[in-house]
Amino acid sequence: MEFDYNADFKHPTVKASDWFLTILIANIPVVGFIMLIVWAVDKTGNPNKANWAKAKLIWYAIGFGLMILLLLMIGFGTVSGVFDEIDWSDFQ
């Protein structure tokens, strides 16, 4: 008995040209983010593209969180540095 490896695959493989257009659209600043959300929640599209969009959105969320953390660290460092330069004896 021969095993059919393609029997479990219900969706065709995404071609290189489709990936090229998908990545090109995903890299457009605002439109790309909206399209990633559309592709991630699309139930009728190719699940490979949906999983890729979900993974890219997760990476965007991680990057956004790290950016906020970095900005908070820079902000608190700047504020504490400003207060270190104040001569507090003038306020007594």
C-alpha atoms as a PDB file:
ATOM      1  CA  MET A   1       0.000   0.000   0.000  1.00  0.00           C
ATOM      2  CA  GLU A   2       1.372   3.342  -1.032  1.00  0.00           C
ATOM      3  CA  PHE A   3       0.920   6.436   1.158  1.00  0.00           C
ATOM      4  CA  ASP A   4      -0.357   9.596  -0.511  1.00  0.00           C
ATOM      5  CA  TYR A   5       1.527  12.497   1.067  1.00  0.00           C
ATOM      6  CA  ASN A   6      -0.672  15.110  -0.608  1.00  0.00           C
ATOM      7  CA  ALA A   7      -3.965  13.717   0.703  1.00  0.00           C
ATOM      8  CA  ASP A   8      -3.862  15.844   3.873  1.00  0.00           C
ATOM      9  CA  PHE A   9      -3.150  19.106   2.051  1.00  0.00           C
ATOM     10  CA  LYS A  10      -6.343  20.932   1.165  1.00  0.00           C
ATOM     11  CA  HIS A  11      -4.746  24.169   0.036  1.00  0.00           C
ATOM     12  CA  PRO A  12      -2.260  24.661  -2.772  1.00  0.00           C
ATOM     13  CA  THR A  13       1.272  25.769  -2.086  1.00  0.00           C
ATOM     14  CA  VAL A  14       1.710  29.536  -2.199  1.00  0.00           C
ATOM     15  CA  LYS A  15       3.834  30.379  -5.246  1.00  0.00           C
ATOM     16  CA  ALA A  16       6.929  32.565  -5.040  1.00  0.00           C
ATOM     17  CA  SER A  17       5.235  35.312  -7.045  1.00  0.00           C
ATOM     18  CA  ASP A  18       2.324  35.333  -4.584  1.00  0.00           C
ATOM     19  CA  TRP A  19       4.764  35.582  -1.665  1.00  0.00           C
ATOM     20  CA  PHE A  20       6.558  38.424  -3.442  1.00  0.00           C
ATOM     21  CA  LEU A  21       3.330  40.420  -3.754  1.00  0.00           C
ATOM     22  CA  THR A  22       2.235  39.509  -0.226  1.00  0.00           C
ATOM     23  CA  ILE A  23       5.489  40.702   1.325  1.00  0.00           C
ATOM     24  CA  LEU A  24       5.504  43.819  -0.870  1.00  0.00           C
ATOM     25  CA  ILE A  25       1.988  44.749   0.270  1.00  0.00           C
ATOM     26  CA  ALA A  26       2.800  43.897   3.901  1.00  0.00           C
ATOM     27  CA  ASN A  27       5.732  46.341   3.855  1.00  0.00           C
ATOM     28  CA  ILE A  28       3.610  49.344   2.861  1.00  0.00           C
ATOM     29  CA  PRO A  29       3.312  51.302   6.149  1.00  0.00           C
ATOM     30  CA  VAL A  30      -0.419  51.629   6.921  1.00  0.00           C
ATOM     31  CA  VAL A  31      -1.925  49.465   4.196  1.00  0.00           C
ATOM     32  CA  GLY A  32       0.397  46.594   5.072  1.00  0.00           C
ATOM     33  CA  PHE A  33      -0.672  46.537   8.707  1.00  0.00           C
ATOM     34  CA  ILE A  34      -4.337  46.508   7.718  1.00  0.00           C
ATOM     35  CA  MET A  35      -3.728  43.751   5.176  1.00  0.00           C
ATOM     36  CA  LEU A  36      -1.868  41.667   7.781  1.00  0.00           C
ATOM     37  CA  ILE A  37      -4.942  41.839  10.003  1.00  0.00           C
ATOM     38  CA  VAL A  38      -7.183  40.897   7.059  1.00  0.00           C
ATOM     39  CA  TRP A  39      -4.983  37.958   6.085  1.00  0.00           C
ATOM     40  CA  ALA A  40      -4.663  36.800   9.709  1.00  0.00           C
ATOM     41  CA  VAL A  41      -8.429  36.585  10.270  1.00  0.00           C
ATOM     42  CA  ASP A  42      -9.351  35.319   6.784  1.00  0.00           C
ATOM     43  CA  LYS A  43     -10.983  31.889   7.111  1.00  0.00           C
ATOM     44  CA  THR A  44     -11.302  31.192   3.382  1.00  0.00           C
ATOM     45  CA  GLY A  45      -7.748  32.010   2.289  1.00  0.00           C
ATOM     46  CA  ASN A  46      -4.637  29.914   2.363  1.00  0.00           C
ATOM     47  CA  PRO A  47      -3.770  28.943   5.974  1.00  0.00           C
ATOM     48  CA  ASN A  48      -0.044  29.297   5.232  1.00  0.00           C
ATOM     49  CA  LYS A  49      -0.533  32.985   4.471  1.00  0.00           C
ATOM     50  CA  ALA A  50      -2.805  33.399   7.523  1.00  0.00           C
ATOM     51  CA  ASN A  51      -0.222  31.832   9.841  1.00  0.00           C
ATOM     52  CA  TRP A  52       2.523  33.991   8.340  1.00  0.00           C
ATOM     53  CA  ALA A  53       0.410  37.116   8.896  1.00  0.00           C
ATOM     54  CA  LYS A  54      -0.291  36.100  12.512  1.00  0.00           C
ATOM     55  CA  ALA A  55       3.421  35.536  13.147  1.00  0.00           C
ATOM     56  CA  LYS A  56       4.304  38.912  11.605  1.00  0.00           C
ATOM     57  CA  LEU A  57       1.674  40.639  13.765  1.00  0.00           C
ATOM     58  CA  ILE A  58       3.137  38.949  16.851  1.00  0.00           C
ATOM     59  CA  TRP A  59       6.591  40.262  15.895  1.00  0.00           C
ATOM     60  CA  TYR A  60       5.091  43.742  15.429  1.00  0.00           C
ATOM     61  CA  ALA A  61       3.553  43.525  18.920  1.00  0.00           C
ATOM     62  CA  ILE A  62       6.887  42.435  20.433  1.00  0.00           C
ATOM     63  CA  GLY A  63       8.695  45.280  18.658  1.00  0.00           C
ATOM     64  CA  PHE A  64       6.072  47.794  19.770  1.00  0.00           C
ATOM     65  CA  GLY A  65       6.374  46.616  23.384  1.00  0.00           C
ATOM     66  CA  LEU A  66      10.160  46.866  23.307  1.00  0.00           C
ATOM     67  CA  MET A  67       9.928  50.335  21.767  1.00  0.00           C
ATOM     68  CA  ILE A  68       7.591  51.521  24.552  1.00  0.00           C
ATOM     69  CA  LEU A  69       9.925  50.020  27.165  1.00  0.00           C
ATOM     70  CA  LEU A  70      12.928  51.762  25.595  1.00  0.00           C
ATOM     71  CA  LEU A  71      11.104  55.094  25.406  1.00  0.00           C
ATOM     72  CA  LEU A  72      10.073  54.807  29.058  1.00  0.00           C
ATOM     73  CA  MET A  73      13.657  54.044  30.071  1.00  0.00           C
ATOM     74  CA  ILE A  74      14.966  57.008  28.073  1.00  0.00           C
ATOM     75  CA  GLY A  75      12.236  59.272  29.460  1.00  0.00           C
ATOM     76  CA  PHE A  76      12.833  58.326  33.086  1.00  0.00           C
ATOM     77  CA  GLY A  77      16.587  58.568  32.590  1.00  0.00           C
ATOM     78  CA  THR A  78      16.248  62.035  31.121  1.00  0.00           C
ATOM     79  CA  VAL A  79      13.933  63.230  33.886  1.00  0.00           C
ATOM     80  CA  SER A  80      16.178  61.858  36.627  1.00  0.00           C
ATOM     81  CA  GLY A  81      19.216  63.442  34.935  1.00  0.00           C
ATOM     82  CA  VAL A  82      17.460  66.814  34.850  1.00  0.00           C
ATOM     83  CA  PHE A  83      16.645  66.606  38.549  1.00  0.00           C
ATOM     84  CA  ASP A  84      20.263  65.710  39.349  1.00  0.00           C
ATOM     85  CA  GLU A  85      21.402  69.010  37.807  1.00  0.00           C
ATOM     86  CA  ILE A  86      19.063  71.184  39.937  1.00  0.00           C
ATOM     87  CA  ASP A  87      20.649  72.956  42.872  1.00  0.00           C
ATOM     88  CA  TRP A  88      18.066  72.158  45.535  1.00  0.00           C
ATOM     89  CA  SER A  89      19.569  74.617  48.034  1.00  0.00           C
ATOM     90  CA  ASP A  90      18.012  77.467  46.040  1.00  0.00           C
ATOM     91  CA  PHE A  91      14.524  76.227  46.962  1.00  0.00           C
ATOM     92  CA  GLN A  92      14.967  76.218  50.743  1.00  0.00           C
END
